[in-house]
Amino acid sequence: MKTNPIGMDTGMMNANPMLAWWQEQWMKGANPMAQMQAAWMESLADAMKFEAQFLMAIAETGQEMTECLHNEKPATAEEVQACYQKLVKQVTDAQHTRMEHAAQLSHDFRKRLWEEI
């Protein structure tokens, strides 16, 4: 039987090798979970980046619309319509880009998870 160096219970003292083994196995199991969480957070960061790009496109379009409507000289209906059509196309393109990125995110996330496994 082992000597008791720090007043530890003899049962705990005898279980130390088992606890050390369990801690090692537990850390091996926790590491892949942390890697999977990191992959999930990378995908979340990508989604937030794409949403920020879309919101920036919307803000720029709103600014351009304000410029179209508040010119120094009064604009004709045709000029306002042309400006509006151009801006609607920009928003539509931004929305299409956003949807393409959203569709790609699930594939990227699965790829990242597979690389971690």
N, C-alpha and C. Protein backbone atom coordinates (compact mmCIF):
# COMPACT_ATOMS: atom_id res chain seq x y z
N MET A 1 0.83 -1.17 0.00
CA MET A 1 0.00 0.00 0.00
C MET A 1 0.88 1.24 0.00
N LYS A 2 0.37 2.33 -0.60
CA LYS A 2 1.13 3.56 -0.75
C LYS A 2 1.12 4.37 0.54
N THR A 3 2.14 5.22 0.68
CA THR A 3 2.18 6.12 1.84
C THR A 3 1.30 7.32 1.54
N ASN A 4 0.81 7.94 2.56
CA ASN A 4 -0.11 9.06 2.45
C ASN A 4 0.66 10.37 2.59
N PRO A 5 1.06 11.02 1.50
CA PRO A 5 1.92 12.19 1.60
C PRO A 5 1.21 13.44 2.11
N ILE A 6 -0.04 13.66 1.77
CA ILE A 6 -0.69 14.92 2.15
C ILE A 6 -1.99 14.71 2.89
N GLY A 7 -2.14 13.61 3.54
CA GLY A 7 -3.36 13.35 4.30
C GLY A 7 -4.53 12.96 3.42
N MET A 8 -4.27 12.48 2.22
CA MET A 8 -5.33 12.07 1.31
C MET A 8 -5.94 10.76 1.78
N ASP A 9 -7.22 10.61 1.58
CA ASP A 9 -7.91 9.36 1.89
C ASP A 9 -7.24 8.23 1.13
N THR A 10 -7.08 7.07 1.79
CA THR A 10 -6.37 5.96 1.12
C THR A 10 -7.12 5.47 -0.12
N GLY A 11 -8.44 5.55 -0.11
CA GLY A 11 -9.20 5.15 -1.30
C GLY A 11 -8.90 6.06 -2.47
N MET A 12 -8.83 7.37 -2.21
CA MET A 12 -8.51 8.34 -3.27
C MET A 12 -7.07 8.16 -3.73
N MET A 13 -6.19 7.87 -2.76
CA MET A 13 -4.79 7.69 -3.11
C MET A 13 -4.63 6.49 -4.05
N ASN A 14 -5.35 5.42 -3.79
CA ASN A 14 -5.27 4.24 -4.65
C ASN A 14 -5.97 4.47 -5.99
N ALA A 15 -6.94 5.40 -6.04
CA ALA A 15 -7.68 5.67 -7.27
C ALA A 15 -6.98 6.70 -8.16
N ASN A 16 -5.91 7.31 -7.69
CA ASN A 16 -5.21 8.35 -8.46
C ASN A 16 -4.83 7.92 -9.87
N PRO A 17 -4.24 6.73 -10.07
CA PRO A 17 -3.93 6.34 -11.45
C PRO A 17 -5.19 6.26 -12.32
N MET A 18 -6.28 5.78 -11.74
CA MET A 18 -7.53 5.71 -12.49
C MET A 18 -8.06 7.10 -12.82
N LEU A 19 -7.97 8.03 -11.86
CA LEU A 19 -8.42 9.40 -12.12
C LEU A 19 -7.56 10.07 -13.18
N ALA A 20 -6.26 9.81 -13.13
CA ALA A 20 -5.36 10.38 -14.14
C ALA A 20 -5.72 9.84 -15.52
N TRP A 21 -5.99 8.54 -15.60
CA TRP A 21 -6.37 7.94 -16.88
C TRP A 21 -7.69 8.53 -17.37
N TRP A 22 -8.66 8.65 -16.45
CA TRP A 22 -9.97 9.20 -16.82
C TRP A 22 -9.84 10.63 -17.30
N GLN A 23 -9.02 11.44 -16.64
CA GLN A 23 -8.84 12.83 -17.05
C GLN A 23 -8.22 12.90 -18.44
N GLU A 24 -7.26 12.04 -18.71
CA GLU A 24 -6.64 12.01 -20.03
C GLU A 24 -7.66 11.66 -21.11
N GLN A 25 -8.50 10.63 -20.83
CA GLN A 25 -9.52 10.24 -21.80
C GLN A 25 -10.56 11.34 -21.97
N TRP A 26 -10.92 12.00 -20.89
CA TRP A 26 -11.90 13.06 -20.95
C TRP A 26 -11.39 14.22 -21.80
N MET A 27 -10.12 14.56 -21.66
CA MET A 27 -9.55 15.65 -22.44
C MET A 27 -9.48 15.29 -23.92
N LYS A 28 -9.23 14.01 -24.21
CA LYS A 28 -9.23 13.59 -25.61
C LYS A 28 -10.63 13.73 -26.20
N GLY A 29 -11.64 13.45 -25.40
CA GLY A 29 -13.02 13.58 -25.88
C GLY A 29 -13.47 15.02 -25.99
N ALA A 30 -12.95 15.89 -25.14
CA ALA A 30 -13.36 17.29 -25.16
C ALA A 30 -12.74 18.03 -26.33
N ASN A 31 -11.56 17.64 -26.75
CA ASN A 31 -10.87 18.35 -27.82
C ASN A 31 -11.67 18.33 -29.12
N PRO A 32 -12.17 17.19 -29.60
CA PRO A 32 -12.98 17.22 -30.83
C PRO A 32 -14.24 18.07 -30.67
N MET A 33 -14.82 18.08 -29.49
CA MET A 33 -16.00 18.92 -29.29
C MET A 33 -15.63 20.40 -29.42
N ALA A 34 -14.48 20.77 -28.90
CA ALA A 34 -14.03 22.15 -29.02
C ALA A 34 -13.75 22.49 -30.48
N GLN A 35 -13.19 21.54 -31.21
CA GLN A 35 -12.93 21.77 -32.62
C GLN A 35 -14.23 21.90 -33.41
N MET A 36 -15.21 21.08 -33.06
CA MET A 36 -16.51 21.19 -33.73
C MET A 36 -17.17 22.52 -33.40
N GLN A 37 -17.04 22.96 -32.17
CA GLN A 37 -17.60 24.25 -31.80
C GLN A 37 -16.89 25.37 -32.55
N ALA A 38 -15.59 25.26 -32.72
CA ALA A 38 -14.85 26.26 -33.49
C ALA A 38 -15.32 26.29 -34.94
N ALA A 39 -15.58 25.13 -35.53
CA ALA A 39 -16.10 25.07 -36.90
C ALA A 39 -17.46 25.73 -36.97
N TRP A 40 -18.31 25.48 -35.99
CA TRP A 40 -19.63 26.11 -35.95
C TRP A 40 -19.49 27.62 -35.83
N MET A 41 -18.58 28.08 -35.00
CA MET A 41 -18.39 29.52 -34.81
C MET A 41 -17.82 30.17 -36.08
N GLU A 42 -16.98 29.47 -36.81
CA GLU A 42 -16.48 29.99 -38.09
C GLU A 42 -17.63 30.15 -39.07
N SER A 43 -18.52 29.18 -39.12
CA SER A 43 -19.68 29.27 -40.01
C SER A 43 -20.59 30.42 -39.58
N LEU A 44 -20.76 30.59 -38.29
CA LEU A 44 -21.57 31.69 -37.78
C LEU A 44 -20.94 33.03 -38.15
N ALA A 45 -19.63 33.12 -38.04
CA ALA A 45 -18.94 34.36 -38.41
C ALA A 45 -19.11 34.66 -39.90
N ASP A 46 -19.05 33.61 -40.73
CA ASP A 46 -19.28 33.80 -42.16
C ASP A 46 -20.69 34.31 -42.42
N ALA A 47 -21.67 33.73 -41.74
CA ALA A 47 -23.06 34.16 -41.92
C ALA A 47 -23.22 35.62 -41.51
N MET A 48 -22.60 36.00 -40.42
CA MET A 48 -22.69 37.38 -39.97
C MET A 48 -22.00 38.33 -40.96
N LYS A 49 -20.90 37.88 -41.54
CA LYS A 49 -20.20 38.70 -42.53
C LYS A 49 -21.07 38.92 -43.77
N PHE A 50 -21.74 37.85 -44.23
CA PHE A 50 -22.60 37.97 -45.40
C PHE A 50 -23.80 38.87 -45.11
N GLU A 51 -24.36 38.76 -43.92
CA GLU A 51 -25.48 39.63 -43.54
C GLU A 51 -25.03 41.08 -43.47
N ALA A 52 -23.83 41.32 -42.95
CA ALA A 52 -23.31 42.69 -42.88
C ALA A 52 -23.10 43.26 -44.28
N GLN A 53 -22.62 42.43 -45.20
CA GLN A 53 -22.46 42.88 -46.59
C GLN A 53 -23.82 43.25 -47.20
N PHE A 54 -24.83 42.43 -46.93
CA PHE A 54 -26.17 42.72 -47.45
C PHE A 54 -26.72 44.01 -46.85
N LEU A 55 -26.56 44.19 -45.54
CA LEU A 55 -27.05 45.41 -44.90
C LEU A 55 -26.31 46.64 -45.42
N MET A 56 -25.02 46.48 -45.73
CA MET A 56 -24.28 47.60 -46.30
C MET A 56 -24.81 47.94 -47.69
N ALA A 57 -25.13 46.93 -48.48
CA ALA A 57 -25.69 47.18 -49.81
C ALA A 57 -27.04 47.89 -49.69
N ILE A 58 -27.85 47.49 -48.72
CA ILE A 58 -29.15 48.15 -48.51
C ILE A 58 -28.94 49.61 -48.10
N ALA A 59 -27.99 49.85 -47.20
CA ALA A 59 -27.72 51.22 -46.75
C ALA A 59 -27.23 52.10 -47.90
N GLU A 60 -26.33 51.56 -48.72
CA GLU A 60 -25.83 52.32 -49.86
C GLU A 60 -26.95 52.63 -50.84
N THR A 61 -27.84 51.67 -51.06
CA THR A 61 -28.97 51.89 -51.95
C THR A 61 -29.89 52.97 -51.40
N GLY A 62 -30.13 52.94 -50.11
CA GLY A 62 -30.96 53.97 -49.49
C GLY A 62 -30.34 55.35 -49.62
N GLN A 63 -29.03 55.42 -49.48
CA GLN A 63 -28.34 56.69 -49.63
C GLN A 63 -28.45 57.19 -51.07
N GLU A 64 -28.28 56.29 -52.04
CA GLU A 64 -28.41 56.68 -53.44
C GLU A 64 -29.83 57.12 -53.75
N MET A 65 -30.82 56.46 -53.15
CA MET A 65 -32.22 56.86 -53.37
C MET A 65 -32.46 58.26 -52.84
N THR A 66 -31.89 58.55 -51.68
CA THR A 66 -32.02 59.90 -51.12
C THR A 66 -31.40 60.92 -52.04
N GLU A 67 -30.24 60.60 -52.60
CA GLU A 67 -29.58 61.51 -53.54
C GLU A 67 -30.41 61.71 -54.80
N CYS A 68 -31.06 60.63 -55.26
CA CYS A 68 -31.90 60.75 -56.46
C CYS A 68 -33.10 61.67 -56.21
N LEU A 69 -33.68 61.59 -55.03
CA LEU A 69 -34.90 62.36 -54.74
C LEU A 69 -34.63 63.78 -54.26
N HIS A 70 -33.43 64.04 -53.77
CA HIS A 70 -33.13 65.36 -53.21
C HIS A 70 -32.05 66.09 -54.00
N ASN A 71 -32.20 66.10 -55.31
CA ASN A 71 -31.27 66.86 -56.15
C ASN A 71 -31.57 68.34 -56.00
N GLU A 72 -30.61 69.16 -56.41
CA GLU A 72 -30.83 70.61 -56.36
C GLU A 72 -31.91 71.02 -57.35
N LYS A 73 -31.92 70.40 -58.49
CA LYS A 73 -32.96 70.72 -59.47
C LYS A 73 -34.03 69.65 -59.41
N PRO A 74 -35.27 70.00 -59.69
CA PRO A 74 -36.32 68.98 -59.68
C PRO A 74 -36.09 67.96 -60.80
N ALA A 75 -36.21 66.69 -60.46
CA ALA A 75 -36.01 65.62 -61.44
C ALA A 75 -37.33 65.30 -62.13
N THR A 76 -37.19 64.85 -63.35
CA THR A 76 -38.39 64.44 -64.08
C THR A 76 -38.79 63.05 -63.60
N ALA A 77 -40.01 62.68 -63.93
CA ALA A 77 -40.50 61.36 -63.53
C ALA A 77 -39.66 60.25 -64.15
N GLU A 78 -39.18 60.45 -65.37
CA GLU A 78 -38.37 59.45 -66.05
C GLU A 78 -37.03 59.26 -65.34
N GLU A 79 -36.43 60.35 -64.88
CA GLU A 79 -35.16 60.26 -64.18
C GLU A 79 -35.32 59.53 -62.85
N VAL A 80 -36.40 59.85 -62.14
CA VAL A 80 -36.66 59.19 -60.86
C VAL A 80 -36.92 57.70 -61.09
N GLN A 81 -37.68 57.38 -62.13
CA GLN A 81 -37.97 55.98 -62.43
C GLN A 81 -36.70 55.23 -62.80
N ALA A 82 -35.84 55.85 -63.62
CA ALA A 82 -34.58 55.20 -64.01
C ALA A 82 -33.70 54.97 -62.78
N CYS A 83 -33.64 55.96 -61.91
CA CYS A 83 -32.85 55.81 -60.68
C CYS A 83 -33.43 54.70 -59.81
N TYR A 84 -34.75 54.70 -59.68
CA TYR A 84 -35.41 53.68 -58.86
C TYR A 84 -35.18 52.29 -59.42
N GLN A 85 -35.29 52.12 -60.74
CA GLN A 85 -35.07 50.82 -61.37
C GLN A 85 -33.63 50.34 -61.15
N LYS A 86 -32.68 51.27 -61.25
CA LYS A 86 -31.27 50.91 -61.02
C LYS A 86 -31.08 50.43 -59.58
N LEU A 87 -31.68 51.12 -58.64
CA LEU A 87 -31.53 50.77 -57.24
C LEU A 87 -32.24 49.45 -56.90
N VAL A 88 -33.39 49.21 -57.51
CA VAL A 88 -34.08 47.94 -57.29
C VAL A 88 -33.23 46.79 -57.81
N LYS A 89 -32.57 47.00 -58.95
CA LYS A 89 -31.68 45.95 -59.48
C LYS A 89 -30.52 45.70 -58.52
N GLN A 90 -29.95 46.75 -57.93
CA GLN A 90 -28.85 46.58 -56.98
C GLN A 90 -29.30 45.78 -55.76
N VAL A 91 -30.49 46.09 -55.24
CA VAL A 91 -31.00 45.36 -54.07
C VAL A 91 -31.29 43.91 -54.44
N THR A 92 -31.86 43.70 -55.62
CA THR A 92 -32.16 42.33 -56.07
C THR A 92 -30.88 41.53 -56.21
N ASP A 93 -29.85 42.13 -56.80
CA ASP A 93 -28.56 41.43 -56.94
C ASP A 93 -27.96 41.11 -55.58
N ALA A 94 -28.05 42.07 -54.65
CA ALA A 94 -27.53 41.84 -53.30
C ALA A 94 -28.29 40.70 -52.62
N GLN A 95 -29.60 40.64 -52.82
CA GLN A 95 -30.40 39.56 -52.23
C GLN A 95 -30.04 38.21 -52.83
N HIS A 96 -29.82 38.17 -54.15
CA HIS A 96 -29.40 36.92 -54.79
C HIS A 96 -28.05 36.45 -54.26
N THR A 97 -27.13 37.38 -54.11
CA THR A 97 -25.81 37.04 -53.56
C THR A 97 -25.96 36.51 -52.15
N ARG A 98 -26.82 37.16 -51.38
CA ARG A 98 -27.07 36.74 -49.99
C ARG A 98 -27.61 35.31 -49.95
N MET A 99 -28.57 35.00 -50.82
CA MET A 99 -29.16 33.66 -50.84
C MET A 99 -28.14 32.60 -51.29
N GLU A 100 -27.29 32.96 -52.24
CA GLU A 100 -26.25 32.02 -52.67
C GLU A 100 -25.30 31.70 -51.51
N HIS A 101 -24.92 32.74 -50.76
CA HIS A 101 -24.05 32.52 -49.61
C HIS A 101 -24.75 31.67 -48.55
N ALA A 102 -26.04 31.95 -48.32
CA ALA A 102 -26.78 31.18 -47.31
C ALA A 102 -26.87 29.71 -47.71
N ALA A 103 -27.07 29.45 -49.00
CA ALA A 103 -27.15 28.06 -49.46
C ALA A 103 -25.79 27.37 -49.33
N GLN A 104 -24.72 28.11 -49.52
CA GLN A 104 -23.38 27.54 -49.45
C GLN A 104 -22.94 27.29 -48.01
N LEU A 105 -23.51 28.04 -47.05
CA LEU A 105 -23.07 27.93 -45.66
C LEU A 105 -23.24 26.52 -45.10
N SER A 106 -24.36 25.87 -45.40
CA SER A 106 -24.56 24.53 -44.85
C SER A 106 -23.54 23.55 -45.41
N HIS A 107 -23.18 23.71 -46.68
CA HIS A 107 -22.16 22.84 -47.28
C HIS A 107 -20.79 23.10 -46.65
N ASP A 108 -20.48 24.38 -46.45
CA ASP A 108 -19.20 24.73 -45.82
C ASP A 108 -19.13 24.20 -44.38
N PHE A 109 -20.26 24.31 -43.66
CA PHE A 109 -20.29 23.83 -42.28
C PHE A 109 -20.08 22.32 -42.23
N ARG A 110 -20.77 21.60 -43.11
CA ARG A 110 -20.59 20.14 -43.16
C ARG A 110 -19.15 19.77 -43.51
N LYS A 111 -18.55 20.51 -44.43
CA LYS A 111 -17.16 20.25 -44.81
C LYS A 111 -16.22 20.49 -43.62
N ARG A 112 -16.44 21.57 -42.88
CA ARG A 112 -15.61 21.86 -41.72
C ARG A 112 -15.77 20.77 -40.65
N LEU A 113 -17.01 20.34 -40.44
CA LEU A 113 -17.23 19.27 -39.46
C LEU A 113 -16.56 17.98 -39.89
N TRP A 114 -16.66 17.66 -41.16
CA TRP A 114 -16.05 16.43 -41.67
C TRP A 114 -14.54 16.48 -41.49
N GLU A 115 -13.95 17.66 -41.72
CA GLU A 115 -12.50 17.79 -41.54
C GLU A 115 -12.12 17.60 -40.08
N GLU A 116 -12.98 18.00 -39.15
CA GLU A 116 -12.69 17.84 -37.73
C GLU A 116 -12.85 16.38 -37.28
N ILE A 117 -13.77 15.68 -37.93
CA ILE A 117 -13.99 14.27 -37.56
C ILE A 117 -12.82 13.47 -38.08
